[in-house]
Amino acid sequence: MSKILFDNVKKAFEGGIQVLNGVNLRIEQGESHIILGQSGGGKSVLIRCLLGILDLTDGDIVVDGISVKDSNKKKEYMKKFSILFQGNALFDSMTILENVKFAVSQVNNDKKAVIEIAKEKLHAVGLDDRVFDLYPAEISGGMQKRAALARAISLEPEVLVFDEPTSGLDPITGGIICNLLKGTVQSLGVTAITITHDLRVAEFLADRVSLLNKGVMVWTGSAHDMKDCDNEFAENFYKASNAILVK
């Protein structure tokens, strides 16, 4: 049985705006899966549906046999996930250590243990004690991303979701974060889903890539196979991405 199953997922908004038009996708346990697509193509909506933030119009999403629509198992379902938000979503009024402690306290009520676990997770993502008492605005974007990752993994999820993880970062910092994400996923043995429009991120992080176009998964495979596949949209996406990179 697959870890995550998207079964004919459809999502329409008020006014009849159809964003997801029957998404079908299987993601295996321990897989690092990238969802690629154009801006406004439905990637973020699909993830919000996966996380139970948006209700489905039709179809189903099943994780370890539990449907996102099963209200009786909603808490069990939601505990499986943790997300690294595009904008990091750190609390501005909390120090870096307090941000991570807050997350740990959701799953552990031992105050001493909460502090130790928070420090351990911050160390695991390459942050040292010198930044613990600083506020998000006082550290770089790359450090903020590391702190947000520490907070995400502190919840001990089975599935990590990365939302445009390198957005707003310079190429060098983005590369460092990609290495960190890849190492984190491998060391924890979790399943990872990354949404991005950046082909370089996909080629580096992905076991498999799925390409979303007009609310439908039109192609799934290796990022490196996209250029020679028999899907016109996938080939064009690959060529356009590389043309931008060359410039």
C-alpha atoms as a PDB file:
ATOM      1  CA  MET A   1       0.000   0.000   0.000  1.00  0.00           C
ATOM      2  CA  SER A   2       1.287   3.458  -0.924  1.00  0.00           C
ATOM      3  CA  LYS A   3       2.037   5.965   1.811  1.00  0.00           C
ATOM      4  CA  ILE A   4      -0.090   8.653   0.147  1.00  0.00           C
ATOM      5  CA  LEU A   5      -2.783   8.211  -2.480  1.00  0.00           C
ATOM      6  CA  PHE A   6      -4.448  11.045  -4.383  1.00  0.00           C
ATOM      7  CA  ASP A   7      -7.556   9.488  -5.904  1.00  0.00           C
ATOM      8  CA  ASN A   8      -9.296  11.597  -8.571  1.00  0.00           C
ATOM      9  CA  VAL A   9      -8.912  14.716  -6.424  1.00  0.00           C
ATOM     10  CA  LYS A  10     -11.028  17.672  -7.523  1.00  0.00           C
ATOM     11  CA  LYS A  11     -11.286  21.132  -6.017  1.00  0.00           C
ATOM     12  CA  ALA A  12     -13.517  23.954  -7.159  1.00  0.00           C
ATOM     13  CA  PHE A  13     -14.023  27.309  -5.511  1.00  0.00           C
ATOM     14  CA  GLU A  14     -17.016  29.584  -5.280  1.00  0.00           C
ATOM     15  CA  GLY A  15     -18.006  30.863  -8.674  1.00  0.00           C
ATOM     16  CA  GLY A  16     -17.198  27.553 -10.347  1.00  0.00           C
ATOM     17  CA  ILE A  17     -13.441  28.071 -10.554  1.00  0.00           C
ATOM     18  CA  GLN A  18     -12.039  24.564 -11.001  1.00  0.00           C
ATOM     19  CA  VAL A  19      -8.419  24.324  -9.819  1.00  0.00           C
ATOM     20  CA  LEU A  20      -7.909  20.561  -9.462  1.00  0.00           C
ATOM     21  CA  ASN A  21      -9.497  18.445 -12.171  1.00  0.00           C
ATOM     22  CA  GLY A  22      -8.943  14.862 -11.087  1.00  0.00           C
ATOM     23  CA  VAL A  23      -5.461  14.458  -9.642  1.00  0.00           C
ATOM     24  CA  ASN A  24      -4.233  10.877  -9.395  1.00  0.00           C
ATOM     25  CA  LEU A  25      -0.896  10.134  -7.751  1.00  0.00           C
ATOM     26  CA  ARG A  26       0.766   7.535  -5.535  1.00  0.00           C
ATOM     27  CA  ILE A  27       3.677   8.414  -3.261  1.00  0.00           C
ATOM     28  CA  GLU A  28       5.602   5.609  -1.595  1.00  0.00           C
ATOM     29  CA  GLN A  29       6.958   5.366   1.940  1.00  0.00           C
ATOM     30  CA  GLY A  30      10.310   7.111   2.257  1.00  0.00           C
ATOM     31  CA  GLU A  31      10.075   8.692  -1.174  1.00  0.00           C
ATOM     32  CA  SER A  32      11.139  12.261  -1.888  1.00  0.00           C
ATOM     33  CA  HIS A  33       8.524  13.432  -4.369  1.00  0.00           C
ATOM     34  CA  ILE A  34       8.513  16.774  -6.160  1.00  0.00           C
ATOM     35  CA  ILE A  35       5.382  18.404  -7.542  1.00  0.00           C
ATOM     36  CA  LEU A  36       6.350  20.773 -10.334  1.00  0.00           C
ATOM     37  CA  GLY A  37       4.183  23.188 -12.244  1.00  0.00           C
ATOM     38  CA  GLN A  38       3.613  26.717 -13.376  1.00  0.00           C
ATOM     39  CA  SER A  39       2.653  29.453 -10.929  1.00  0.00           C
ATOM     40  CA  GLY A  40      -1.081  29.367 -10.327  1.00  0.00           C
ATOM     41  CA  GLY A  41      -1.294  25.798 -11.585  1.00  0.00           C
ATOM     42  CA  GLY A  42      -2.776  24.327  -8.430  1.00  0.00           C
ATOM     43  CA  LYS A  43       0.281  23.056  -6.536  1.00  0.00           C
ATOM     44  CA  SER A  44      -0.460  24.984  -3.342  1.00  0.00           C
ATOM     45  CA  VAL A  45      -4.153  24.100  -3.487  1.00  0.00           C
ATOM     46  CA  LEU A  46      -3.259  20.413  -3.774  1.00  0.00           C
ATOM     47  CA  ILE A  47      -1.036  20.623  -0.690  1.00  0.00           C
ATOM     48  CA  ARG A  48      -3.725  22.460   1.277  1.00  0.00           C
ATOM     49  CA  CYS A  49      -6.124  19.677   0.385  1.00  0.00           C
ATOM     50  CA  LEU A  50      -3.549  17.077   1.504  1.00  0.00           C
ATOM     51  CA  LEU A  51      -3.154  18.856   4.848  1.00  0.00           C
ATOM     52  CA  GLY A  52      -6.915  19.089   5.358  1.00  0.00           C
ATOM     53  CA  ILE A  53      -6.897  22.889   5.189  1.00  0.00           C
ATOM     54  CA  LEU A  54      -9.235  22.831   2.181  1.00  0.00           C
ATOM     55  CA  ASP A  55     -12.121  20.422   1.753  1.00  0.00           C
ATOM     56  CA  LEU A  56     -12.228  18.358  -1.416  1.00  0.00           C
ATOM     57  CA  THR A  57     -14.959  18.918  -3.960  1.00  0.00           C
ATOM     58  CA  ASP A  58     -14.648  15.300  -5.068  1.00  0.00           C
ATOM     59  CA  GLY A  59     -12.267  12.365  -4.841  1.00  0.00           C
ATOM     60  CA  ASP A  60     -10.156  11.399  -1.853  1.00  0.00           C
ATOM     61  CA  ILE A  61      -6.694  11.614  -0.320  1.00  0.00           C
ATOM     62  CA  VAL A  62      -5.600   8.622   1.747  1.00  0.00           C
ATOM     63  CA  VAL A  63      -2.528   8.421   3.982  1.00  0.00           C
ATOM     64  CA  ASP A  64      -1.684   5.042   5.521  1.00  0.00           C
ATOM     65  CA  GLY A  65      -5.258   3.967   4.856  1.00  0.00           C
ATOM     66  CA  ILE A  66      -6.797   7.022   6.545  1.00  0.00           C
ATOM     67  CA  SER A  67      -8.951   9.325   4.448  1.00  0.00           C
ATOM     68  CA  VAL A  68      -8.569  13.080   4.803  1.00  0.00           C
ATOM     69  CA  LYS A  69     -12.384  13.119   4.931  1.00  0.00           C
ATOM     70  CA  ASP A  70     -12.598  10.799   7.968  1.00  0.00           C
ATOM     71  CA  SER A  71     -13.569  13.218  10.747  1.00  0.00           C
ATOM     72  CA  ASN A  72     -13.192  10.498  13.384  1.00  0.00           C
ATOM     73  CA  LYS A  73      -9.508  10.096  12.576  1.00  0.00           C
ATOM     74  CA  LYS A  74      -8.708  13.711  11.759  1.00  0.00           C
ATOM     75  CA  LYS A  75      -6.233  14.126  14.629  1.00  0.00           C
ATOM     76  CA  GLU A  76      -4.404  10.898  13.756  1.00  0.00           C
ATOM     77  CA  TYR A  77      -4.256  11.985  10.125  1.00  0.00           C
ATOM     78  CA  MET A  78      -2.944  15.472  10.852  1.00  0.00           C
ATOM     79  CA  LYS A  79      -0.209  14.237  13.210  1.00  0.00           C
ATOM     80  CA  LYS A  80       1.495  12.577  10.269  1.00  0.00           C
ATOM     81  CA  PHE A  81       2.477  15.915   8.712  1.00  0.00           C
ATOM     82  CA  SER A  82       4.777  18.817   9.282  1.00  0.00           C
ATOM     83  CA  ILE A  83       5.374  21.642   6.832  1.00  0.00           C
ATOM     84  CA  LEU A  84       8.251  23.961   6.050  1.00  0.00           C
ATOM     85  CA  PHE A  85       6.416  27.054   4.855  1.00  0.00           C
ATOM     86  CA  GLN A  86       7.636  29.199   1.973  1.00  0.00           C
ATOM     87  CA  GLY A  87       7.853  32.255   4.241  1.00  0.00           C
ATOM     88  CA  ASN A  88       9.138  30.176   7.200  1.00  0.00           C
ATOM     89  CA  ALA A  89       6.201  31.370   9.381  1.00  0.00           C
ATOM     90  CA  LEU A  90       8.344  31.870  12.475  1.00  0.00           C
ATOM     91  CA  PHE A  91       6.756  33.835  15.305  1.00  0.00           C
ATOM     92  CA  ASP A  92       8.354  37.289  15.227  1.00  0.00           C
ATOM     93  CA  SER A  93       7.776  37.845  18.946  1.00  0.00           C
ATOM     94  CA  MET A  94       9.577  34.638  19.950  1.00  0.00           C
ATOM     95  CA  THR A  95      13.283  33.905  19.939  1.00  0.00           C
ATOM     96  CA  ILE A  96      14.570  31.136  17.693  1.00  0.00           C
ATOM     97  CA  LEU A  97      14.738  28.718  20.628  1.00  0.00           C
ATOM     98  CA  GLU A  98      11.230  29.697  21.772  1.00  0.00           C
ATOM     99  CA  ASN A  99       9.881  29.070  18.266  1.00  0.00           C
ATOM    100  CA  VAL A 100      11.126  25.501  18.314  1.00  0.00           C
ATOM    101  CA  LYS A 101      10.174  24.944  21.960  1.00  0.00           C
ATOM    102  CA  PHE A 102       6.621  25.957  21.107  1.00  0.00           C
ATOM    103  CA  ALA A 103       6.433  23.203  18.486  1.00  0.00           C
ATOM    104  CA  VAL A 104       8.003  20.577  20.750  1.00  0.00           C
ATOM    105  CA  SER A 105       5.543  21.435  23.542  1.00  0.00           C
ATOM    106  CA  GLN A 106       2.710  20.307  21.256  1.00  0.00           C
ATOM    107  CA  VAL A 107       3.944  16.710  21.530  1.00  0.00           C
ATOM    108  CA  ASN A 108       5.808  16.729  24.856  1.00  0.00           C
ATOM    109  CA  ASN A 109       4.747  18.322  28.170  1.00  0.00           C
ATOM    110  CA  ASP A 110       8.010  17.698  30.042  1.00  0.00           C
ATOM    111  CA  LYS A 111       9.461  21.231  30.280  1.00  0.00           C
ATOM    112  CA  LYS A 112      13.053  20.066  30.696  1.00  0.00           C
ATOM    113  CA  ALA A 113      12.764  17.645  27.799  1.00  0.00           C
ATOM    114  CA  VAL A 114      11.188  20.336  25.609  1.00  0.00           C
ATOM    115  CA  ILE A 115      14.240  22.561  25.998  1.00  0.00           C
ATOM    116  CA  GLU A 116      16.696  19.743  25.291  1.00  0.00           C
ATOM    117  CA  ILE A 117      14.800  18.501  22.248  1.00  0.00           C
ATOM    118  CA  ALA A 118      14.501  22.036  20.848  1.00  0.00           C
ATOM    119  CA  LYS A 119      18.251  22.581  21.198  1.00  0.00           C
ATOM    120  CA  GLU A 120      18.957  19.171  19.663  1.00  0.00           C
ATOM    121  CA  LYS A 121      16.832  19.946  16.592  1.00  0.00           C
ATOM    122  CA  LEU A 122      18.450  23.368  16.151  1.00  0.00           C
ATOM    123  CA  HIS A 123      21.902  21.803  16.352  1.00  0.00           C
ATOM    124  CA  ALA A 124      20.787  19.144  13.844  1.00  0.00           C
ATOM    125  CA  VAL A 125      20.114  21.816  11.206  1.00  0.00           C
ATOM    126  CA  GLY A 126      23.436  23.543  11.798  1.00  0.00           C
ATOM    127  CA  LEU A 127      22.457  26.361  14.170  1.00  0.00           C
ATOM    128  CA  ASP A 128      24.520  26.946  17.289  1.00  0.00           C
ATOM    129  CA  ASP A 129      23.740  28.429  20.680  1.00  0.00           C
ATOM    130  CA  ARG A 130      24.667  31.946  19.558  1.00  0.00           C
ATOM    131  CA  VAL A 131      21.382  32.332  17.643  1.00  0.00           C
ATOM    132  CA  PHE A 132      19.069  30.714  20.187  1.00  0.00           C
ATOM    133  CA  ASP A 133      18.174  33.978  21.922  1.00  0.00           C
ATOM    134  CA  LEU A 134      17.914  36.039  18.751  1.00  0.00           C
ATOM    135  CA  TYR A 135      14.629  36.913  17.054  1.00  0.00           C
ATOM    136  CA  PRO A 136      13.834  35.950  13.436  1.00  0.00           C
ATOM    137  CA  ALA A 137      14.383  39.513  12.196  1.00  0.00           C
ATOM    138  CA  GLU A 138      17.912  39.424  13.633  1.00  0.00           C
ATOM    139  CA  ILE A 139      19.142  36.474  11.552  1.00  0.00           C
ATOM    140  CA  SER A 140      19.583  35.823   7.831  1.00  0.00           C
ATOM    141  CA  GLY A 141      17.016  34.224   5.535  1.00  0.00           C
ATOM    142  CA  GLY A 142      19.069  31.052   5.396  1.00  0.00           C
ATOM    143  CA  MET A 143      19.200  30.821   9.182  1.00  0.00           C
ATOM    144  CA  GLN A 144      15.463  31.457   9.368  1.00  0.00           C
ATOM    145  CA  LYS A 145      14.925  28.556   6.965  1.00  0.00           C
ATOM    146  CA  ARG A 146      17.076  26.325   9.165  1.00  0.00           C
ATOM    147  CA  ALA A 147      15.124  27.349  12.267  1.00  0.00           C
ATOM    148  CA  ALA A 148      11.835  26.647  10.499  1.00  0.00           C
ATOM    149  CA  LEU A 149      13.131  23.212   9.492  1.00  0.00           C
ATOM    150  CA  ALA A 150      14.169  22.512  13.092  1.00  0.00           C
ATOM    151  CA  ARG A 151      10.657  23.385  14.184  1.00  0.00           C
ATOM    152  CA  ALA A 152       9.143  21.152  11.494  1.00  0.00           C
ATOM    153  CA  ILE A 153      11.183  18.061  12.379  1.00  0.00           C
ATOM    154  CA  SER A 154      10.670  18.593  16.112  1.00  0.00           C
ATOM    155  CA  LEU A 155       7.092  17.369  15.641  1.00  0.00           C
ATOM    156  CA  GLU A 156       8.492  13.969  14.552  1.00  0.00           C
ATOM    157  CA  PRO A 157       6.314  13.752  11.440  1.00  0.00           C
ATOM    158  CA  GLU A 158       6.029  10.836   9.042  1.00  0.00           C
ATOM    159  CA  VAL A 159       5.608  13.214   6.105  1.00  0.00           C
ATOM    160  CA  LEU A 160       7.533  16.459   5.595  1.00  0.00           C
ATOM    161  CA  VAL A 161       6.067  19.006   3.197  1.00  0.00           C
ATOM    162  CA  PHE A 162       8.380  21.646   1.732  1.00  0.00           C
ATOM    163  CA  ASP A 163       6.659  24.660   0.178  1.00  0.00           C
ATOM    164  CA  GLU A 164       8.993  26.412  -2.307  1.00  0.00           C
ATOM    165  CA  PRO A 165      11.953  25.801   0.050  1.00  0.00           C
ATOM    166  CA  THR A 166      14.474  27.975  -1.799  1.00  0.00           C
ATOM    167  CA  SER A 167      12.175  30.887  -2.602  1.00  0.00           C
ATOM    168  CA  GLY A 168      13.785  34.238  -1.764  1.00  0.00           C
ATOM    169  CA  LEU A 169      17.227  32.737  -1.176  1.00  0.00           C
ATOM    170  CA  ASP A 170      20.338  33.486  -3.208  1.00  0.00           C
ATOM    171  CA  PRO A 171      21.714  30.551  -5.270  1.00  0.00           C
ATOM    172  CA  ILE A 172      24.482  29.685  -2.798  1.00  0.00           C
ATOM    173  CA  THR A 173      22.191  29.712   0.242  1.00  0.00           C
ATOM    174  CA  GLY A 174      19.524  27.880  -1.747  1.00  0.00           C
ATOM    175  CA  GLY A 175      22.018  25.144  -2.564  1.00  0.00           C
ATOM    176  CA  ILE A 176      23.016  24.823   1.077  1.00  0.00           C
ATOM    177  CA  ILE A 177      19.365  24.522   2.112  1.00  0.00           C
ATOM    178  CA  CYS A 178      18.731  21.878  -0.571  1.00  0.00           C
ATOM    179  CA  ASN A 179      21.635  19.825   0.774  1.00  0.00           C
ATOM    180  CA  LEU A 180      20.250  20.222   4.284  1.00  0.00           C
ATOM    181  CA  LEU A 181      16.755  19.144   3.236  1.00  0.00           C
ATOM    182  CA  LYS A 182      18.050  16.107   1.377  1.00  0.00           C
ATOM    183  CA  GLY A 183      20.211  15.041   4.305  1.00  0.00           C
ATOM    184  CA  THR A 184      17.363  15.562   6.765  1.00  0.00           C
ATOM    185  CA  VAL A 185      14.926  13.450   4.751  1.00  0.00           C
ATOM    186  CA  GLN A 186      17.455  10.649   4.379  1.00  0.00           C
ATOM    187  CA  SER A 187      18.534  10.638   8.024  1.00  0.00           C
ATOM    188  CA  LEU A 188      14.973  10.653   9.351  1.00  0.00           C
ATOM    189  CA  GLY A 189      13.654   8.186   6.782  1.00  0.00           C
ATOM    190  CA  VAL A 190      10.513  10.246   6.272  1.00  0.00           C
ATOM    191  CA  THR A 191       8.393  10.704   3.181  1.00  0.00           C
ATOM    192  CA  ALA A 192       8.861  14.160   1.643  1.00  0.00           C
ATOM    193  CA  ILE A 193       6.712  16.194  -0.735  1.00  0.00           C
ATOM    194  CA  THR A 194       8.152  19.372  -2.197  1.00  0.00           C
ATOM    195  CA  ILE A 195       6.226  21.858  -4.290  1.00  0.00           C
ATOM    196  CA  THR A 196       8.339  24.078  -6.490  1.00  0.00           C
ATOM    197  CA  HIS A 197       8.651  25.579  -9.950  1.00  0.00           C
ATOM    198  CA  ASP A 198      12.460  25.320  -9.813  1.00  0.00           C
ATOM    199  CA  LEU A 199      13.755  22.453 -11.937  1.00  0.00           C
ATOM    200  CA  ARG A 200      17.171  22.572 -10.237  1.00  0.00           C
ATOM    201  CA  VAL A 201      15.571  21.861  -6.877  1.00  0.00           C
ATOM    202  CA  ALA A 202      13.601  19.003  -8.420  1.00  0.00           C
ATOM    203  CA  GLU A 203      16.660  17.420 -10.034  1.00  0.00           C
ATOM    204  CA  PHE A 204      18.580  17.546  -6.767  1.00  0.00           C
ATOM    205  CA  LEU A 205      15.923  16.458  -4.269  1.00  0.00           C
ATOM    206  CA  ALA A 206      13.575  14.157  -6.134  1.00  0.00           C
ATOM    207  CA  ASP A 207      13.274  10.412  -6.309  1.00  0.00           C
ATOM    208  CA  ARG A 208      10.371  11.124  -8.639  1.00  0.00           C
ATOM    209  CA  VAL A 209       8.766  14.229 -10.110  1.00  0.00           C
ATOM    210  CA  SER A 210       5.117  14.861 -10.969  1.00  0.00           C
ATOM    211  CA  LEU A 211       4.118  17.681 -13.281  1.00  0.00           C
ATOM    212  CA  LEU A 212       0.820  19.435 -12.621  1.00  0.00           C
ATOM    213  CA  ASN A 213      -0.874  21.214 -15.520  1.00  0.00           C
ATOM    214  CA  LYS A 214      -4.382  22.683 -15.449  1.00  0.00           C
ATOM    215  CA  GLY A 215      -5.246  20.697 -12.342  1.00  0.00           C
ATOM    216  CA  VAL A 216      -4.152  17.303 -13.675  1.00  0.00           C
ATOM    217  CA  MET A 217      -0.955  15.308 -13.149  1.00  0.00           C
ATOM    218  CA  VAL A 218       0.192  15.012 -16.733  1.00  0.00           C
ATOM    219  CA  TRP A 219       3.513  13.257 -16.159  1.00  0.00           C
ATOM    220  CA  THR A 220       5.429  11.404 -13.437  1.00  0.00           C
ATOM    221  CA  GLY A 221       8.985  10.143 -13.595  1.00  0.00           C
ATOM    222  CA  SER A 222      12.613  11.087 -13.058  1.00  0.00           C
ATOM    223  CA  ALA A 223      13.422  14.786 -13.406  1.00  0.00           C
ATOM    224  CA  HIS A 224      16.279  13.822 -15.730  1.00  0.00           C
ATOM    225  CA  ASP A 225      13.900  11.876 -18.001  1.00  0.00           C
ATOM    226  CA  MET A 226      11.624  14.862 -18.531  1.00  0.00           C
ATOM    227  CA  LYS A 227      13.611  16.228 -21.469  1.00  0.00           C
ATOM    228  CA  ASP A 228      13.225  13.008 -23.479  1.00  0.00           C
ATOM    229  CA  CYS A 229       9.740  11.893 -22.465  1.00  0.00           C
ATOM    230  CA  ASP A 230       6.783  11.617 -24.831  1.00  0.00           C
ATOM    231  CA  ASN A 231       4.708  14.251 -23.027  1.00  0.00           C
ATOM    232  CA  GLU A 232       4.704  17.574 -24.878  1.00  0.00           C
ATOM    233  CA  PHE A 233       3.977  19.727 -21.825  1.00  0.00           C
ATOM    234  CA  ALA A 234       6.723  18.032 -19.782  1.00  0.00           C
ATOM    235  CA  GLU A 235       9.260  18.492 -22.580  1.00  0.00           C
ATOM    236  CA  ASN A 236       8.316  22.142 -23.012  1.00  0.00           C
ATOM    237  CA  PHE A 237       8.486  22.741 -19.253  1.00  0.00           C
ATOM    238  CA  TYR A 238      11.968  21.238 -19.166  1.00  0.00           C
ATOM    239  CA  LYS A 239      13.178  23.251 -22.148  1.00  0.00           C
ATOM    240  CA  ALA A 240      11.708  26.504 -20.820  1.00  0.00           C
ATOM    241  CA  SER A 241      13.237  25.954 -17.371  1.00  0.00           C
ATOM    242  CA  ASN A 242      16.668  25.301 -18.823  1.00  0.00           C
ATOM    243  CA  ALA A 243      16.421  28.282 -21.148  1.00  0.00           C
ATOM    244  CA  ILE A 244      15.829  30.492 -18.109  1.00  0.00           C
ATOM    245  CA  LEU A 245      18.754  28.892 -16.287  1.00  0.00           C
ATOM    246  CA  VAL A 246      21.082  29.463 -19.224  1.00  0.00           C
ATOM    247  CA  LYS A 247      20.189  33.144 -19.377  1.00  0.00           C
END
